[in-house]
Amino acid sequence: MNTIVNTAIKKRAISPEQKQLRRQQILSTAKLALGEHGYEQVVLSQLAEQLELSKPALYRYFANKESLFMALYLEEAKQLLLGLERLSQQNLKPRVLAETIAAQPTFCYLSAILHTVLEKQENIEQAISFKRELKTMAEQLAKLFLHWSPQLSQQQALTKVMFLYQAVIGCWHTSHPSSTMQQVMQNEEFEILRLDFVDSLSLLLVKLLAD
């Protein structure tokens, strides 16, 4: 993968195809950095250096760190939606749904910081565009809920989608404590406080899918 990035990135992106490839390379590198270091430790200048790009070249694609990771969030949400659509061929089970979501940890991580960190977006037009894309995906997911539960109204299906979204955020936060708290939680005294993301989300989805 690094060979492909290094070979293509050295050439100036001119055509729409080259620009799209450059954009995807930036997103892929940002995703790796996020997984290795966490959001706070990701520095755009270091990403640019890793991609052998100048900082101005990177900023032509993403105006700031928030814009970059909001774009990555949308990419990850689309991948999750594809995974959920594949589940439409079977009876939906809470555990399977939770495992499918957990298989997209970048989506879960970014969901957890979306409202408190990423959406500190001062460009109104970009913020509106971002929310419109999220709304479109929420509506697509609502159609899947209608497929699984035809008795639902459109509004009820959308309500379930938003509950699912909130459940993902809450379960991710509570099952991924800080590094200090992770060490503390290894103590048997606090075993009852340890939470597993899939287990916790599955329990909430039992209620969501039953209603």
C-alpha atoms as a PDB file:
ATOM      1  CA  MET A   1       0.000   0.000   0.000  1.00  0.00           C
ATOM      2  CA  ASN A   2       2.790   2.467   0.897  1.00  0.00           C
ATOM      3  CA  THR A   3       4.450   1.828  -2.471  1.00  0.00           C
ATOM      4  CA  ILE A   4       1.266   2.780  -4.306  1.00  0.00           C
ATOM      5  CA  VAL A   5       0.891   5.927  -2.229  1.00  0.00           C
ATOM      6  CA  ASN A   6       4.490   7.030  -2.658  1.00  0.00           C
ATOM      7  CA  THR A   7       4.532   6.383  -6.404  1.00  0.00           C
ATOM      8  CA  ALA A   8       1.286   8.164  -7.209  1.00  0.00           C
ATOM      9  CA  ILE A   9       1.602  11.029  -4.769  1.00  0.00           C
ATOM     10  CA  LYS A  10       4.851  12.365  -6.229  1.00  0.00           C
ATOM     11  CA  LYS A  11       3.102  13.236  -9.459  1.00  0.00           C
ATOM     12  CA  ARG A  12       1.111  16.435  -9.506  1.00  0.00           C
ATOM     13  CA  ALA A  13      -2.609  15.672  -9.542  1.00  0.00           C
ATOM     14  CA  ILE A  14      -4.060  17.285 -12.638  1.00  0.00           C
ATOM     15  CA  SER A  15      -6.941  15.215 -13.958  1.00  0.00           C
ATOM     16  CA  PRO A  16     -10.131  14.623 -11.908  1.00  0.00           C
ATOM     17  CA  GLU A  17      -9.096  10.981 -11.574  1.00  0.00           C
ATOM     18  CA  GLN A  18      -5.670  11.919 -10.213  1.00  0.00           C
ATOM     19  CA  LYS A  19      -7.211  14.404  -7.796  1.00  0.00           C
ATOM     20  CA  GLN A  20      -9.642  11.780  -6.556  1.00  0.00           C
ATOM     21  CA  LEU A  21      -6.775   9.332  -6.074  1.00  0.00           C
ATOM     22  CA  ARG A  22      -4.812  11.972  -4.164  1.00  0.00           C
ATOM     23  CA  ARG A  23      -7.837  12.664  -1.968  1.00  0.00           C
ATOM     24  CA  GLN A  24      -8.252   8.952  -1.199  1.00  0.00           C
ATOM     25  CA  GLN A  25      -4.567   8.641  -0.355  1.00  0.00           C
ATOM     26  CA  ILE A  26      -4.865  11.492   2.124  1.00  0.00           C
ATOM     27  CA  LEU A  27      -7.930   9.887   3.717  1.00  0.00           C
ATOM     28  CA  SER A  28      -6.255   6.476   3.903  1.00  0.00           C
ATOM     29  CA  THR A  29      -3.160   7.927   5.554  1.00  0.00           C
ATOM     30  CA  ALA A  30      -5.298   9.904   7.994  1.00  0.00           C
ATOM     31  CA  LYS A  31      -7.223   6.747   8.894  1.00  0.00           C
ATOM     32  CA  LEU A  32      -4.002   4.870   9.670  1.00  0.00           C
ATOM     33  CA  ALA A  33      -2.707   7.759  11.783  1.00  0.00           C
ATOM     34  CA  LEU A  34      -6.008   7.939  13.649  1.00  0.00           C
ATOM     35  CA  GLY A  35      -5.899   4.245  14.473  1.00  0.00           C
ATOM     36  CA  GLU A  36      -2.299   4.418  15.654  1.00  0.00           C
ATOM     37  CA  HIS A  37      -2.281   7.688  17.582  1.00  0.00           C
ATOM     38  CA  GLY A  38      -5.837   8.924  18.175  1.00  0.00           C
ATOM     39  CA  TYR A  39      -7.362  12.153  16.913  1.00  0.00           C
ATOM     40  CA  GLU A  40      -5.587  14.570  19.225  1.00  0.00           C
ATOM     41  CA  GLN A  41      -2.141  13.339  18.176  1.00  0.00           C
ATOM     42  CA  VAL A  42      -2.752  13.555  14.423  1.00  0.00           C
ATOM     43  CA  VAL A  43      -0.918  16.560  12.941  1.00  0.00           C
ATOM     44  CA  LEU A  44      -1.662  17.636   9.371  1.00  0.00           C
ATOM     45  CA  SER A  45       1.899  18.752   8.715  1.00  0.00           C
ATOM     46  CA  GLN A  46       3.109  15.261   9.609  1.00  0.00           C
ATOM     47  CA  LEU A  47       0.504  13.712   7.312  1.00  0.00           C
ATOM     48  CA  ALA A  48       1.675  15.968   4.502  1.00  0.00           C
ATOM     49  CA  GLU A  49       5.283  14.969   5.134  1.00  0.00           C
ATOM     50  CA  GLN A  50       4.366  11.282   5.146  1.00  0.00           C
ATOM     51  CA  LEU A  51       2.582  11.719   1.805  1.00  0.00           C
ATOM     52  CA  GLU A  52       5.457  13.814   0.440  1.00  0.00           C
ATOM     53  CA  LEU A  53       3.075  16.731   0.025  1.00  0.00           C
ATOM     54  CA  SER A  54       3.523  20.359   0.934  1.00  0.00           C
ATOM     55  CA  LYS A  55       1.114  21.686   3.538  1.00  0.00           C
ATOM     56  CA  PRO A  56      -0.514  24.059   0.998  1.00  0.00           C
ATOM     57  CA  ALA A  57      -1.085  21.080  -1.319  1.00  0.00           C
ATOM     58  CA  LEU A  58      -2.842  19.153   1.448  1.00  0.00           C
ATOM     59  CA  TYR A  59      -4.945  22.187   2.378  1.00  0.00           C
ATOM     60  CA  ARG A  60      -6.199  22.364  -1.198  1.00  0.00           C
ATOM     61  CA  TYR A  61      -8.071  19.162  -0.439  1.00  0.00           C
ATOM     62  CA  PHE A  62      -8.996  19.769   3.191  1.00  0.00           C
ATOM     63  CA  ALA A  63      -9.115  23.214   4.749  1.00  0.00           C
ATOM     64  CA  ASN A  64      -8.409  21.954   8.258  1.00  0.00           C
ATOM     65  CA  LYS A  65      -8.153  18.891  10.441  1.00  0.00           C
ATOM     66  CA  GLU A  66     -11.887  18.847  11.171  1.00  0.00           C
ATOM     67  CA  SER A  67     -12.774  18.894   7.476  1.00  0.00           C
ATOM     68  CA  LEU A  68     -10.407  16.012   6.801  1.00  0.00           C
ATOM     69  CA  PHE A  69     -11.870  13.773   9.460  1.00  0.00           C
ATOM     70  CA  MET A  70     -15.442  14.741   8.650  1.00  0.00           C
ATOM     71  CA  ALA A  71     -14.724  13.550   5.112  1.00  0.00           C
ATOM     72  CA  LEU A  72     -13.233  10.337   6.493  1.00  0.00           C
ATOM     73  CA  TYR A  73     -16.306   9.917   8.686  1.00  0.00           C
ATOM     74  CA  LEU A  74     -18.592  10.083   5.644  1.00  0.00           C
ATOM     75  CA  GLU A  75     -16.459   7.497   3.843  1.00  0.00           C
ATOM     76  CA  GLU A  76     -16.633   5.160   6.823  1.00  0.00           C
ATOM     77  CA  ALA A  77     -20.381   5.706   7.202  1.00  0.00           C
ATOM     78  CA  LYS A  78     -20.879   4.727   3.562  1.00  0.00           C
ATOM     79  CA  GLN A  79     -18.888   1.544   4.094  1.00  0.00           C
ATOM     80  CA  LEU A  80     -20.965   0.711   7.150  1.00  0.00           C
ATOM     81  CA  LEU A  81     -24.167   1.304   5.200  1.00  0.00           C
ATOM     82  CA  LEU A  82     -22.987  -1.168   2.558  1.00  0.00           C
ATOM     83  CA  GLY A  83     -22.344  -3.722   5.287  1.00  0.00           C
ATOM     84  CA  LEU A  84     -25.806  -3.168   6.750  1.00  0.00           C
ATOM     85  CA  GLU A  85     -27.403  -3.483   3.334  1.00  0.00           C
ATOM     86  CA  ARG A  86     -25.884  -6.941   3.036  1.00  0.00           C
ATOM     87  CA  LEU A  87     -27.763  -7.862   6.196  1.00  0.00           C
ATOM     88  CA  SER A  88     -31.063  -7.113   4.461  1.00  0.00           C
ATOM     89  CA  GLN A  89     -30.953 -10.608   2.965  1.00  0.00           C
ATOM     90  CA  GLN A  90     -31.436 -12.194   6.394  1.00  0.00           C
ATOM     91  CA  ASN A  91     -33.518 -11.819   9.522  1.00  0.00           C
ATOM     92  CA  LEU A  92     -31.918  -9.108  11.579  1.00  0.00           C
ATOM     93  CA  LYS A  93     -30.397 -10.187  14.890  1.00  0.00           C
ATOM     94  CA  PRO A  94     -29.167  -7.667  17.483  1.00  0.00           C
ATOM     95  CA  ARG A  95     -25.803  -9.395  17.932  1.00  0.00           C
ATOM     96  CA  VAL A  96     -25.135  -9.533  14.197  1.00  0.00           C
ATOM     97  CA  LEU A  97     -26.026  -5.862  13.815  1.00  0.00           C
ATOM     98  CA  ALA A  98     -23.727  -4.923  16.706  1.00  0.00           C
ATOM     99  CA  GLU A  99     -20.854  -6.981  15.275  1.00  0.00           C
ATOM    100  CA  THR A 100     -21.319  -5.402  11.851  1.00  0.00           C
ATOM    101  CA  ILE A 101     -21.061  -1.939  13.379  1.00  0.00           C
ATOM    102  CA  ALA A 102     -18.079  -2.933  15.516  1.00  0.00           C
ATOM    103  CA  ALA A 103     -16.308  -4.088  12.346  1.00  0.00           C
ATOM    104  CA  GLN A 104     -16.094  -0.370  11.426  1.00  0.00           C
ATOM    105  CA  PRO A 105     -14.112   0.964  14.410  1.00  0.00           C
ATOM    106  CA  THR A 106     -13.115   4.174  12.643  1.00  0.00           C
ATOM    107  CA  PHE A 107     -16.775   5.028  12.151  1.00  0.00           C
ATOM    108  CA  CYS A 108     -17.489   4.305  15.807  1.00  0.00           C
ATOM    109  CA  TYR A 109     -14.507   6.328  17.017  1.00  0.00           C
ATOM    110  CA  LEU A 110     -15.360   9.335  14.859  1.00  0.00           C
ATOM    111  CA  SER A 111     -19.043   9.116  15.815  1.00  0.00           C
ATOM    112  CA  ALA A 112     -17.979   9.421  19.439  1.00  0.00           C
ATOM    113  CA  ILE A 113     -16.114  12.692  18.793  1.00  0.00           C
ATOM    114  CA  LEU A 114     -18.292  14.052  16.000  1.00  0.00           C
ATOM    115  CA  HIS A 115     -20.408  16.509  17.986  1.00  0.00           C
ATOM    116  CA  THR A 116     -17.819  17.572  20.539  1.00  0.00           C
ATOM    117  CA  VAL A 117     -14.744  17.834  18.290  1.00  0.00           C
ATOM    118  CA  LEU A 118     -15.272  17.458  14.542  1.00  0.00           C
ATOM    119  CA  GLU A 119     -18.311  19.671  14.162  1.00  0.00           C
ATOM    120  CA  LYS A 120     -16.453  22.745  15.317  1.00  0.00           C
ATOM    121  CA  GLN A 121     -16.821  23.750  11.701  1.00  0.00           C
ATOM    122  CA  GLU A 122     -16.985  27.471  11.015  1.00  0.00           C
ATOM    123  CA  ASN A 123     -17.757  27.173   7.298  1.00  0.00           C
ATOM    124  CA  ILE A 124     -21.559  27.161   7.126  1.00  0.00           C
ATOM    125  CA  GLU A 125     -21.727  25.832   3.563  1.00  0.00           C
ATOM    126  CA  GLN A 126     -19.469  22.887   4.378  1.00  0.00           C
ATOM    127  CA  ALA A 127     -21.440  22.193   7.556  1.00  0.00           C
ATOM    128  CA  ILE A 128     -24.723  22.150   5.625  1.00  0.00           C
ATOM    129  CA  SER A 129     -23.249  19.868   2.963  1.00  0.00           C
ATOM    130  CA  PHE A 130     -21.978  17.484   5.640  1.00  0.00           C
ATOM    131  CA  LYS A 131     -25.332  17.337   7.412  1.00  0.00           C
ATOM    132  CA  ARG A 132     -27.144  16.756   4.131  1.00  0.00           C
ATOM    133  CA  GLU A 133     -24.976  13.748   3.392  1.00  0.00           C
ATOM    134  CA  LEU A 134     -25.634  12.371   6.870  1.00  0.00           C
ATOM    135  CA  LYS A 135     -29.378  12.939   6.410  1.00  0.00           C
ATOM    136  CA  THR A 136     -29.321  11.033   3.109  1.00  0.00           C
ATOM    137  CA  MET A 137     -27.556   8.074   4.723  1.00  0.00           C
ATOM    138  CA  ALA A 138     -29.952   8.134   7.685  1.00  0.00           C
ATOM    139  CA  GLU A 139     -32.856   7.938   5.244  1.00  0.00           C
ATOM    140  CA  GLN A 140     -31.211   5.025   3.450  1.00  0.00           C
ATOM    141  CA  LEU A 141     -30.753   3.200   6.740  1.00  0.00           C
ATOM    142  CA  ALA A 142     -34.371   3.934   7.640  1.00  0.00           C
ATOM    143  CA  LYS A 143     -35.402   2.077   4.473  1.00  0.00           C
ATOM    144  CA  LEU A 144     -33.522  -0.951   5.771  1.00  0.00           C
ATOM    145  CA  PHE A 145     -35.433  -0.764   9.049  1.00  0.00           C
ATOM    146  CA  LEU A 146     -38.658  -0.618   7.040  1.00  0.00           C
ATOM    147  CA  HIS A 147     -37.497  -3.717   5.172  1.00  0.00           C
ATOM    148  CA  TRP A 148     -36.884  -5.549   8.450  1.00  0.00           C
ATOM    149  CA  SER A 149     -40.019  -4.164  10.121  1.00  0.00           C
ATOM    150  CA  PRO A 150     -42.646  -3.274   7.472  1.00  0.00           C
ATOM    151  CA  GLN A 151     -45.153  -2.276  10.155  1.00  0.00           C
ATOM    152  CA  LEU A 152     -43.114   0.826  10.993  1.00  0.00           C
ATOM    153  CA  SER A 153     -43.915   4.259   9.671  1.00  0.00           C
ATOM    154  CA  GLN A 154     -41.207   6.301   7.974  1.00  0.00           C
ATOM    155  CA  GLN A 155     -40.870   8.492  11.058  1.00  0.00           C
ATOM    156  CA  GLN A 156     -40.635   5.484  13.369  1.00  0.00           C
ATOM    157  CA  ALA A 157     -37.896   4.012  11.206  1.00  0.00           C
ATOM    158  CA  LEU A 158     -35.953   7.290  11.300  1.00  0.00           C
ATOM    159  CA  THR A 159     -36.376   7.411  15.075  1.00  0.00           C
ATOM    160  CA  LYS A 160     -34.827   3.942  15.317  1.00  0.00           C
ATOM    161  CA  VAL A 161     -31.912   5.075  13.155  1.00  0.00           C
ATOM    162  CA  MET A 162     -31.223   8.000  15.472  1.00  0.00           C
ATOM    163  CA  PHE A 163     -31.518   5.767  18.538  1.00  0.00           C
ATOM    164  CA  LEU A 164     -29.018   3.375  16.978  1.00  0.00           C
ATOM    165  CA  TYR A 165     -26.644   6.272  16.299  1.00  0.00           C
ATOM    166  CA  GLN A 166     -26.874   7.467  19.911  1.00  0.00           C
ATOM    167  CA  ALA A 167     -26.401   3.914  21.176  1.00  0.00           C
ATOM    168  CA  VAL A 168     -23.184   3.552  19.160  1.00  0.00           C
ATOM    169  CA  ILE A 169     -21.806   6.796  20.603  1.00  0.00           C
ATOM    170  CA  GLY A 170     -22.707   5.934  24.180  1.00  0.00           C
ATOM    171  CA  CYS A 171     -21.448   2.359  24.042  1.00  0.00           C
ATOM    172  CA  TRP A 172     -18.198   3.410  22.396  1.00  0.00           C
ATOM    173  CA  HIS A 173     -17.475   5.999  25.085  1.00  0.00           C
ATOM    174  CA  THR A 174     -18.212   3.671  27.993  1.00  0.00           C
ATOM    175  CA  SER A 175     -16.325   0.698  26.556  1.00  0.00           C
ATOM    176  CA  HIS A 176     -13.222   2.690  25.531  1.00  0.00           C
ATOM    177  CA  PRO A 177     -11.953   4.531  28.625  1.00  0.00           C
ATOM    178  CA  SER A 178      -8.742   6.525  28.699  1.00  0.00           C
ATOM    179  CA  SER A 179      -5.421   4.693  28.898  1.00  0.00           C
ATOM    180  CA  THR A 180      -5.182   5.524  32.610  1.00  0.00           C
ATOM    181  CA  MET A 181      -8.644   4.131  33.282  1.00  0.00           C
ATOM    182  CA  GLN A 182      -7.878   1.040  31.208  1.00  0.00           C
ATOM    183  CA  GLN A 183      -5.022   0.291  33.612  1.00  0.00           C
ATOM    184  CA  VAL A 184      -7.256   0.898  36.625  1.00  0.00           C
ATOM    185  CA  MET A 185      -9.976  -1.360  35.199  1.00  0.00           C
ATOM    186  CA  GLN A 186      -7.564  -4.291  35.085  1.00  0.00           C
ATOM    187  CA  ASN A 187      -7.950  -4.481  38.857  1.00  0.00           C
ATOM    188  CA  GLU A 188     -10.394  -7.240  39.785  1.00  0.00           C
ATOM    189  CA  GLU A 189     -12.080  -4.799  42.146  1.00  0.00           C
ATOM    190  CA  PHE A 190     -13.523  -2.993  39.140  1.00  0.00           C
ATOM    191  CA  GLU A 191     -14.385  -5.991  36.969  1.00  0.00           C
ATOM    192  CA  ILE A 192     -18.093  -5.216  37.165  1.00  0.00           C
ATOM    193  CA  LEU A 193     -17.422  -1.827  35.570  1.00  0.00           C
ATOM    194  CA  ARG A 194     -15.719  -3.258  32.470  1.00  0.00           C
ATOM    195  CA  LEU A 195     -17.918  -2.938  29.416  1.00  0.00           C
ATOM    196  CA  ASP A 196     -17.604  -4.615  26.047  1.00  0.00           C
ATOM    197  CA  PHE A 197     -18.781  -2.583  23.055  1.00  0.00           C
ATOM    198  CA  VAL A 198     -20.521  -5.426  21.189  1.00  0.00           C
ATOM    199  CA  ASP A 199     -22.140  -6.840  24.339  1.00  0.00           C
ATOM    200  CA  SER A 200     -23.421  -3.439  25.444  1.00  0.00           C
ATOM    201  CA  LEU A 201     -24.666  -2.451  22.013  1.00  0.00           C
ATOM    202  CA  SER A 202     -26.341  -5.821  21.513  1.00  0.00           C
ATOM    203  CA  LEU A 203     -28.376  -5.367  24.688  1.00  0.00           C
ATOM    204  CA  LEU A 204     -29.606  -1.968  23.548  1.00  0.00           C
ATOM    205  CA  LEU A 205     -30.425  -3.302  20.099  1.00  0.00           C
ATOM    206  CA  VAL A 206     -32.617  -6.024  21.588  1.00  0.00           C
ATOM    207  CA  LYS A 207     -34.876  -3.249  22.832  1.00  0.00           C
ATOM    208  CA  LEU A 208     -34.588  -1.243  19.620  1.00  0.00           C
ATOM    209  CA  LEU A 209     -35.534  -4.130  17.351  1.00  0.00           C
ATOM    210  CA  ALA A 210     -38.260  -5.461  19.620  1.00  0.00           C
ATOM    211  CA  ASP A 211     -40.326  -2.261  19.747  1.00  0.00           C
END
